[in-house]
């Protein structure tokens, strides 16, 4: 497993595929997802390589930042609890990346 950047708990949940976690991955968990988003966007603007942004049970997501991250061809993965978001919320997030409801 790589030396990826983690915002939030240090323990990565076992349902996250190991293939997503590499040196160029950023992980944001729950309320710390906003820090992961800001870090990713800032790093990409500085021409640093980030391939994947993984958001686990995220709280408030700034869609303008997600759209900008997407322009840098960074893949975004959302891991959501089935009962936490409505279908419409999941559908709106799907324009930015892969949404996985657990």
Protein backbone atom coordinates (compact mmCIF):
# COMPACT_ATOMS: atom_id res chain seq x y z
CA UNK A 1 0.00 0.00 0.00
CA UNK A 2 1.26 3.49 -0.84
CA UNK A 3 2.00 6.58 1.20
CA UNK A 4 -1.27 8.35 0.50
CA UNK A 5 -2.52 11.46 2.32
CA UNK A 6 -5.34 10.93 4.84
CA UNK A 7 -7.58 13.56 6.42
CA UNK A 8 -9.55 12.18 9.35
CA UNK A 9 -9.18 8.85 11.10
CA UNK A 10 -5.91 7.06 10.37
CA UNK A 11 -7.61 3.67 9.97
CA UNK A 12 -8.86 3.18 6.40
CA UNK A 13 -12.10 1.13 6.34
CA UNK A 14 -11.71 -2.37 4.93
CA UNK A 15 -14.38 -1.78 2.24
CA UNK A 16 -12.04 0.60 0.38
CA UNK A 17 -10.32 -1.37 -2.43
CA UNK A 18 -6.56 -1.43 -1.89
CA UNK A 19 -6.10 -0.70 -5.60
CA UNK A 20 -7.47 2.83 -5.03
CA UNK A 21 -4.83 3.62 -2.43
CA UNK A 22 -1.54 4.67 -4.01
CA UNK A 23 1.09 7.37 -3.52
CA UNK A 24 -1.06 9.78 -5.51
CA UNK A 25 -4.31 9.28 -3.57
CA UNK A 26 -5.94 11.64 -1.07
CA UNK A 27 -8.50 10.27 1.40
CA UNK A 28 -11.01 12.38 3.30
CA UNK A 29 -13.19 10.87 5.99
CA UNK A 30 -16.47 12.28 7.25
CA UNK A 31 -16.24 15.93 8.38
CA UNK A 32 -12.55 16.08 7.34
CA UNK A 33 -13.50 15.56 3.68
CA UNK A 34 -13.50 19.33 3.16
CA UNK A 35 -9.80 19.43 4.12
CA UNK A 36 -9.05 16.65 1.64
CA UNK A 37 -10.90 18.55 -1.09
CA UNK A 38 -9.05 21.80 -0.35
CA UNK A 39 -5.68 20.00 -0.18
CA UNK A 40 -6.34 18.21 -3.47
CA UNK A 41 -7.38 21.37 -5.30
CA UNK A 42 -4.44 23.35 -3.91
CA UNK A 43 -1.98 20.60 -4.86
CA UNK A 44 -3.37 20.25 -8.37
CA UNK A 45 -3.12 24.01 -8.90
CA UNK A 46 0.57 23.73 -7.94
CA UNK A 47 0.96 21.07 -10.65
CA UNK A 48 1.42 18.28 -8.10
CA UNK A 49 0.25 14.84 -9.13
CA UNK A 50 -2.92 13.53 -7.50
CA UNK A 51 -4.75 10.72 -9.27
CA UNK A 52 -7.59 9.93 -6.88
CA UNK A 53 -9.67 11.75 -4.31
CA UNK A 54 -11.52 9.27 -2.09
CA UNK A 55 -14.28 10.70 0.12
CA UNK A 56 -15.66 8.37 2.80
CA UNK A 57 -19.03 9.32 4.29
CA UNK A 58 -18.39 13.00 3.45
CA UNK A 59 -20.19 15.92 5.04
CA UNK A 60 -20.89 19.13 3.05
CA UNK A 61 -19.34 18.95 -0.40
CA UNK A 62 -18.51 22.16 -2.27
CA UNK A 63 -19.57 21.28 -5.82
CA UNK A 64 -17.60 24.14 -7.37
CA UNK A 65 -14.38 22.67 -5.94
CA UNK A 66 -15.32 19.18 -7.12
CA UNK A 67 -15.92 20.48 -10.64
CA UNK A 68 -12.54 22.21 -10.64
CA UNK A 69 -10.77 19.06 -9.37
CA UNK A 70 -12.43 17.10 -12.14
CA UNK A 71 -10.95 19.49 -14.74
CA UNK A 72 -7.49 18.27 -13.67
CA UNK A 73 -8.53 14.69 -14.60
CA UNK A 74 -8.36 13.58 -10.98
CA UNK A 75 -10.78 10.70 -10.35
CA UNK A 76 -13.19 11.21 -7.44
CA UNK A 77 -14.75 8.34 -5.49
CA UNK A 78 -17.63 8.91 -3.06
CA UNK A 79 -18.40 6.21 -0.47
CA UNK A 80 -21.80 7.01 1.03
CA UNK A 81 -24.13 5.31 3.47
CA UNK A 82 -27.32 4.23 1.69
CA UNK A 83 -29.60 5.96 4.15
CA UNK A 84 -27.60 9.20 4.42
CA UNK A 85 -28.25 10.64 0.96
CA UNK A 86 -31.29 10.69 -1.23
CA UNK A 87 -31.19 9.33 -4.76
CA UNK A 88 -31.16 12.90 -6.12
CA UNK A 89 -28.09 13.75 -4.03
CA UNK A 90 -26.29 10.65 -5.29
CA UNK A 91 -27.25 11.48 -8.86
CA UNK A 92 -25.89 15.02 -8.53
CA UNK A 93 -22.60 13.71 -7.12
CA UNK A 94 -22.28 11.20 -9.95
CA UNK A 95 -21.46 14.02 -12.38
CA UNK A 96 -18.16 14.45 -10.50
CA UNK A 97 -17.16 10.84 -9.93
CA UNK A 98 -18.12 7.33 -8.95
CA UNK A 99 -20.71 7.10 -6.16
CA UNK A 100 -20.75 3.92 -4.10
CA UNK A 101 -23.61 3.52 -1.61
CA UNK A 102 -22.87 1.10 1.22
